[in-house]
Amino acid sequence: MTARGLFLLLGADPHCAWLPAGIELDPCGFVLTGPDLPVRVWRTPAEPPDALATSIPGVFAVGDVRSGSMKRVASASGEGAAAVSMVHAYLDSLQGVRGDSRPSAL
């Protein structure tokens, strides 16, 4: 019999066992990010972390591994692009001011 269609389910299992112990996970094992993180790991109670930030500063989670994500390729791709900007902002915060260590966009 020939198949008329195919449904592929990705992201049903998080496979996060390799992550450092400091990464907060939800009860199903997906990575907690942003305002879903416990308040005790926020910088201040009034300042939630960036939407894709994890409980370890400078570590961001996107796509299927993230708790509450859409579990769709297109959304994971968009989250990945957004995370790049968050990584740059995080690195800039470590330097205090942006130096010449990274080339600026042309």
Protein backbone atom coordinates (compact mmCIF):
# COMPACT_ATOMS: atom_id res chain seq x y z
CA MET A 1 0.00 0.00 0.00
CA THR A 2 1.28 3.50 -0.85
CA ALA A 3 1.33 6.15 1.84
CA ARG A 4 -0.70 9.23 0.93
CA GLY A 5 0.81 11.42 3.59
CA LEU A 6 3.38 11.59 6.34
CA PHE A 7 3.36 13.35 9.67
CA LEU A 8 6.71 13.79 11.40
CA LEU A 9 6.71 14.72 15.08
CA LEU A 10 9.92 16.29 16.34
CA GLY A 11 10.61 17.66 19.76
CA ALA A 12 8.38 15.35 21.77
CA ASP A 13 11.30 14.40 24.03
CA PRO A 14 13.70 17.13 25.16
CA HIS A 15 16.93 15.06 25.49
CA CYS A 16 18.49 17.61 27.86
CA ALA A 17 20.47 15.25 30.09
CA TRP A 18 23.77 16.63 28.72
CA LEU A 19 23.06 20.19 29.94
CA PRO A 20 24.81 21.58 33.01
CA ALA A 21 23.05 21.04 36.35
CA GLY A 22 22.35 24.78 36.71
CA ILE A 23 19.92 24.85 33.79
CA GLU A 24 16.34 24.97 35.14
CA LEU A 25 13.97 22.48 33.51
CA ASP A 26 10.19 22.11 33.60
CA PRO A 27 8.61 18.89 34.96
CA CYS A 28 8.80 17.30 31.49
CA GLY A 29 12.52 18.06 31.10
CA PHE A 30 12.29 21.05 28.72
CA VAL A 31 14.47 24.12 29.35
CA LEU A 32 12.80 27.01 31.17
CA THR A 33 13.50 30.43 29.67
CA GLY A 34 12.67 34.09 30.24
CA PRO A 35 9.79 34.94 32.56
CA ASP A 36 9.00 31.21 32.97
CA LEU A 37 12.16 30.89 35.08
CA PRO A 38 11.75 30.91 38.86
CA VAL A 39 12.00 34.47 40.22
CA ARG A 40 14.98 33.40 42.36
CA VAL A 41 17.18 33.29 39.21
CA TRP A 42 16.08 36.68 37.83
CA ARG A 43 18.55 39.57 38.09
CA THR A 44 15.93 41.42 40.13
CA PRO A 45 12.28 40.51 40.85
CA ALA A 46 11.19 43.44 38.67
CA GLU A 47 13.45 42.52 35.74
CA PRO A 48 12.61 39.19 34.05
CA PRO A 49 15.33 37.64 31.87
CA ASP A 50 15.24 37.89 28.08
CA ALA A 51 12.64 35.58 26.53
CA LEU A 52 15.21 32.96 25.45
CA ALA A 53 17.61 33.29 28.41
CA THR A 54 18.10 30.26 30.65
CA SER A 55 18.97 30.15 34.34
CA ILE A 56 22.68 30.41 33.47
CA PRO A 57 23.74 33.89 32.26
CA GLY A 58 24.85 33.86 28.63
CA VAL A 59 23.14 30.54 27.85
CA PHE A 60 20.06 30.76 25.63
CA ALA A 61 17.62 28.05 24.52
CA VAL A 62 15.59 27.96 21.31
CA GLY A 63 13.39 25.55 19.43
CA ASP A 64 12.07 22.20 20.58
CA VAL A 65 14.23 22.03 23.71
CA ARG A 66 12.61 25.18 25.15
CA SER A 67 9.62 24.81 27.45
CA GLY A 68 6.52 26.32 25.90
CA SER A 69 7.94 26.53 22.38
CA MET A 70 5.74 25.93 19.34
CA LYS A 71 7.73 22.80 18.37
CA ARG A 72 7.78 23.93 14.73
CA VAL A 73 10.84 24.39 12.49
CA ALA A 74 9.88 27.91 11.42
CA SER A 75 9.48 29.15 14.98
CA ALA A 76 12.76 27.50 16.03
CA SER A 77 14.50 29.26 13.16
CA GLY A 78 13.08 32.63 14.23
CA GLU A 79 14.02 32.01 17.86
CA GLY A 80 17.56 31.15 16.77
CA ALA A 81 17.85 34.43 14.88
CA ALA A 82 16.55 36.34 17.91
CA ALA A 83 19.01 34.54 20.19
CA VAL A 84 21.94 35.83 18.12
CA SER A 85 20.95 39.39 19.03
CA MET A 86 20.61 38.37 22.70
CA VAL A 87 24.08 36.79 22.66
CA HIS A 88 25.57 40.00 21.24
CA ALA A 89 23.80 42.08 23.91
CA TYR A 90 25.04 39.72 26.62
CA LEU A 91 28.63 39.90 25.37
CA ASP A 92 28.38 43.69 25.17
CA SER A 93 27.19 43.78 28.78
CA LEU A 94 30.35 41.91 29.81
CA GLN A 95 32.53 44.53 28.13
CA GLY A 96 30.53 47.45 29.47
CA VAL A 97 30.88 49.26 26.18
CA ARG A 98 31.16 47.83 22.71
CA GLY A 99 34.78 47.86 21.68
CA ASP A 100 36.45 47.02 18.40
CA SER A 101 36.56 43.30 19.23
CA ARG A 102 33.66 42.57 16.86
CA PRO A 103 33.26 44.07 13.41
CA SER A 104 30.25 46.34 13.02
CA ALA A 105 27.65 45.67 10.33
CA LEU A 106 28.36 47.32 6.98
